């Protein structure tokens, strides 16, 4: 009986050592900046995010494109319909692998800047991207992952140029930038 209890306890501890981290939507944000009329920059966010860092190191971040928030309801609706085409492509996804030894080696309060490479899936297109992120172990039960510099997303890479042009026409603007910087602050909990 003792041997069975010991083996069960050892299995639970082994599983928790390799347990994943769940994204906390309330403590996370993905934002982007659009530029119109050549010099007018505006901040936007997405309200609904989900994802995890699995025990294997697999990272998944899902961005609900229907949750875009530009602080102007008509612009939100136009982006959903004409830019993102949420009826067909409601979610953008980032996926990659992270070395779990790095996460385990971080002391509480310690941070490390890491190179990340992964796949962005947006509007039916997949693109590989590379960027730097800072990982901070804020507690034994929480990780903070932030962009060191914005990730540049080009409309042409994801088949979004026609959508940008439609937004420009609807708003009667002379220009809307076709490259947007995207920043993130993501909190993961065990």
Protein backbone atom coordinates (compact mmCIF):
# COMPACT_ATOMS: atom_id res chain seq x y z
CA UNK A 1 0.00 0.00 0.00
CA UNK A 2 2.80 2.45 0.92
CA UNK A 3 4.56 1.66 -2.34
CA UNK A 4 1.37 2.48 -4.30
CA UNK A 5 0.89 5.78 -2.48
CA UNK A 6 4.55 6.69 -3.02
CA UNK A 7 4.33 5.86 -6.74
CA UNK A 8 1.12 7.90 -7.10
CA UNK A 9 2.72 10.88 -5.33
CA UNK A 10 5.84 10.59 -7.51
CA UNK A 11 3.68 10.50 -10.64
CA UNK A 12 1.76 13.60 -9.54
CA UNK A 13 5.00 15.49 -8.83
CA UNK A 14 6.47 14.45 -12.19
CA UNK A 15 3.33 15.58 -13.99
CA UNK A 16 3.33 18.95 -12.21
CA UNK A 17 6.98 19.48 -13.15
CA UNK A 18 5.95 19.17 -16.78
CA UNK A 19 2.55 20.80 -16.40
CA UNK A 20 1.63 23.58 -18.75
CA UNK A 21 0.86 27.23 -18.25
CA UNK A 22 -2.52 28.72 -19.20
CA UNK A 23 -2.89 32.23 -20.60
CA UNK A 24 -4.73 34.62 -18.26
CA UNK A 25 -6.83 36.79 -20.59
CA UNK A 26 -7.56 39.38 -17.88
CA UNK A 27 -3.84 40.04 -17.37
CA UNK A 28 -2.80 39.87 -21.03
CA UNK A 29 -2.94 42.23 -23.98
CA UNK A 30 -2.08 42.18 -27.66
CA UNK A 31 -2.06 45.65 -29.21
CA UNK A 32 -1.28 47.14 -32.59
CA UNK A 33 -0.83 50.60 -34.05
CA UNK A 34 -2.38 51.75 -37.30
CA UNK A 35 -1.25 54.86 -39.17
CA UNK A 36 -3.61 56.88 -41.34
CA UNK A 37 -3.08 60.08 -43.31
CA UNK A 38 0.67 59.37 -43.16
CA UNK A 39 1.17 60.75 -39.63
CA UNK A 40 -1.84 59.89 -37.44
CA UNK A 41 -1.11 56.82 -35.31
CA UNK A 42 -3.82 55.08 -33.27
CA UNK A 43 -3.61 52.28 -30.69
CA UNK A 44 -5.89 49.24 -30.88
CA UNK A 45 -6.25 46.03 -28.86
CA UNK A 46 -7.91 42.63 -28.89
CA UNK A 47 -10.09 41.84 -25.86
CA UNK A 48 -10.14 38.04 -26.14
CA UNK A 49 -6.99 35.96 -26.07
CA UNK A 50 -6.42 32.32 -25.19
CA UNK A 51 -3.51 29.96 -25.23
CA UNK A 52 -1.02 27.93 -23.31
CA UNK A 53 2.54 26.84 -22.93
CA UNK A 54 2.37 23.06 -22.81
CA UNK A 55 4.66 20.97 -20.64
CA UNK A 56 6.46 19.94 -23.84
CA UNK A 57 7.29 23.59 -24.61
CA UNK A 58 4.69 24.00 -27.37
CA UNK A 59 3.33 27.56 -27.31
CA UNK A 60 -0.09 28.46 -28.72
CA UNK A 61 -1.59 31.96 -28.67
CA UNK A 62 -5.06 32.48 -30.15
CA UNK A 63 -6.34 35.98 -30.87
CA UNK A 64 -10.09 36.33 -31.31
CA UNK A 65 -10.26 38.83 -34.18
CA UNK A 66 -13.93 39.52 -33.43
CA UNK A 67 -12.75 41.17 -30.21
CA UNK A 68 -10.82 43.97 -31.95
CA UNK A 69 -11.21 47.22 -30.03
CA UNK A 70 -10.29 50.50 -31.73
CA UNK A 71 -12.47 52.68 -29.47
CA UNK A 72 -14.69 53.44 -32.49
CA UNK A 73 -17.52 50.88 -32.91
CA UNK A 74 -18.06 51.47 -36.67
CA UNK A 75 -14.33 51.01 -37.29
CA UNK A 76 -14.38 47.79 -35.24
CA UNK A 77 -17.21 46.46 -37.43
CA UNK A 78 -15.46 47.50 -40.64
CA UNK A 79 -12.22 45.83 -39.56
CA UNK A 80 -14.04 42.63 -38.67
CA UNK A 81 -15.91 42.51 -41.99
CA UNK A 82 -13.53 44.00 -44.54
CA UNK A 83 -10.03 43.52 -43.13
CA UNK A 84 -10.06 40.35 -41.03
CA UNK A 85 -13.11 38.74 -42.71
CA UNK A 86 -14.09 37.18 -39.38
CA UNK A 87 -16.96 35.24 -40.96
CA UNK A 88 -14.26 33.05 -42.49
CA UNK A 89 -11.13 33.80 -40.39
CA UNK A 90 -12.21 34.58 -36.82
CA UNK A 91 -8.90 33.70 -35.16
CA UNK A 92 -5.23 34.55 -35.62
CA UNK A 93 -2.78 32.08 -34.12
CA UNK A 94 0.86 32.20 -33.13
CA UNK A 95 2.66 28.93 -32.42
CA UNK A 96 6.21 28.01 -31.57
CA UNK A 97 8.36 25.98 -29.18
CA UNK A 98 10.09 27.26 -26.05
CA UNK A 99 12.82 25.51 -24.09
CA UNK A 100 11.11 24.45 -20.84
CA UNK A 101 14.53 24.07 -19.18
CA UNK A 102 14.83 27.85 -19.46
CA UNK A 103 11.48 28.37 -17.71
CA UNK A 104 12.36 25.90 -14.96
CA UNK A 105 15.77 27.49 -14.44
CA UNK A 106 14.38 30.99 -13.84
CA UNK A 107 14.25 32.07 -10.19
CA UNK A 108 11.22 34.04 -9.02
CA UNK A 109 11.76 37.65 -10.07
CA UNK A 110 14.36 36.72 -12.68
CA UNK A 111 13.96 37.67 -16.34
CA UNK A 112 15.61 36.62 -19.56
CA UNK A 113 15.42 37.97 -23.10
CA UNK A 114 15.03 35.14 -25.60
CA UNK A 115 14.90 34.83 -29.37
CA UNK A 116 11.60 33.44 -30.54
CA UNK A 117 10.76 32.01 -33.93
CA UNK A 118 7.32 30.78 -34.79
CA UNK A 119 4.40 30.69 -37.16
CA UNK A 120 1.71 33.34 -37.45
CA UNK A 121 -1.53 32.13 -39.03
CA UNK A 122 -3.76 35.02 -40.09
CA UNK A 123 -6.42 35.39 -42.77
CA UNK A 124 -5.69 31.91 -44.16
CA UNK A 125 -1.98 32.65 -44.58
CA UNK A 126 0.98 31.31 -42.59
CA UNK A 127 4.21 33.22 -42.14
CA UNK A 128 7.31 32.44 -40.12
CA UNK A 129 8.46 35.27 -37.89
CA UNK A 130 11.31 36.00 -35.49
CA UNK A 131 11.41 38.43 -32.60
CA UNK A 132 12.76 38.93 -29.09
CA UNK A 133 10.65 38.47 -25.98
CA UNK A 134 11.32 38.92 -22.30
CA UNK A 135 10.24 36.10 -20.00
CA UNK A 136 9.83 36.95 -16.31
CA UNK A 137 9.00 34.43 -13.62
CA UNK A 138 6.85 36.62 -11.38
CA UNK A 139 6.09 33.72 -9.00
CA UNK A 140 6.31 29.93 -8.95
CA UNK A 141 2.83 29.93 -10.46
CA UNK A 142 3.05 32.80 -12.96
CA UNK A 143 5.06 33.83 -16.04
CA UNK A 144 5.05 37.16 -17.84
CA UNK A 145 6.08 37.20 -21.51
CA UNK A 146 6.43 40.57 -23.26
CA UNK A 147 7.65 41.76 -26.62
CA UNK A 148 11.01 43.52 -26.46
CA UNK A 149 10.19 45.40 -29.67
CA UNK A 150 7.00 45.36 -31.75
CA UNK A 151 6.51 42.54 -34.25
CA UNK A 152 5.93 44.06 -37.70
CA UNK A 153 2.97 42.58 -39.56
CA UNK A 154 2.78 43.39 -43.27
CA UNK A 155 -0.66 43.34 -44.91
CA UNK A 156 0.79 41.88 -48.11
CA UNK A 157 2.15 38.83 -46.24
CA UNK A 158 -1.33 37.84 -45.11
CA UNK A 159 -3.54 38.79 -48.06
CA UNK A 160 -4.88 41.86 -46.25
CA UNK A 161 -4.04 44.59 -48.80
CA UNK A 162 -7.53 44.57 -50.37
CA UNK A 163 -9.03 44.90 -46.89
CA UNK A 164 -6.81 47.86 -46.05
CA UNK A 165 -7.79 49.50 -49.33
CA UNK A 166 -11.50 48.91 -48.59
CA UNK A 167 -11.12 50.51 -45.13
CA UNK A 168 -9.33 53.46 -46.72
CA UNK A 169 -12.17 53.91 -49.22
CA UNK A 170 -14.94 53.57 -46.61
CA UNK A 171 -13.29 56.14 -44.33
CA UNK A 172 -12.40 58.49 -47.19
CA UNK A 173 -8.73 58.50 -46.20
CA UNK A 174 -5.78 59.30 -48.46
CA UNK A 175 -3.72 56.52 -46.84
CA UNK A 176 -3.62 53.74 -44.27
CA UNK A 177 -0.26 52.12 -43.50
CA UNK A 178 0.13 48.54 -44.67
CA UNK A 179 2.62 47.51 -41.99
CA UNK A 180 1.53 47.55 -38.36
CA UNK A 181 3.65 47.08 -35.23
CA UNK A 182 2.15 44.53 -32.83
CA UNK A 183 3.13 44.39 -29.15
CA UNK A 184 2.12 41.95 -26.44
CA UNK A 185 2.18 41.41 -22.72
CA UNK A 186 1.05 37.90 -21.83
CA UNK A 187 0.55 36.41 -18.38
CA UNK A 188 0.54 32.64 -17.96
CA UNK A 189 -0.49 30.80 -14.80
CA UNK A 190 0.01 27.19 -13.72
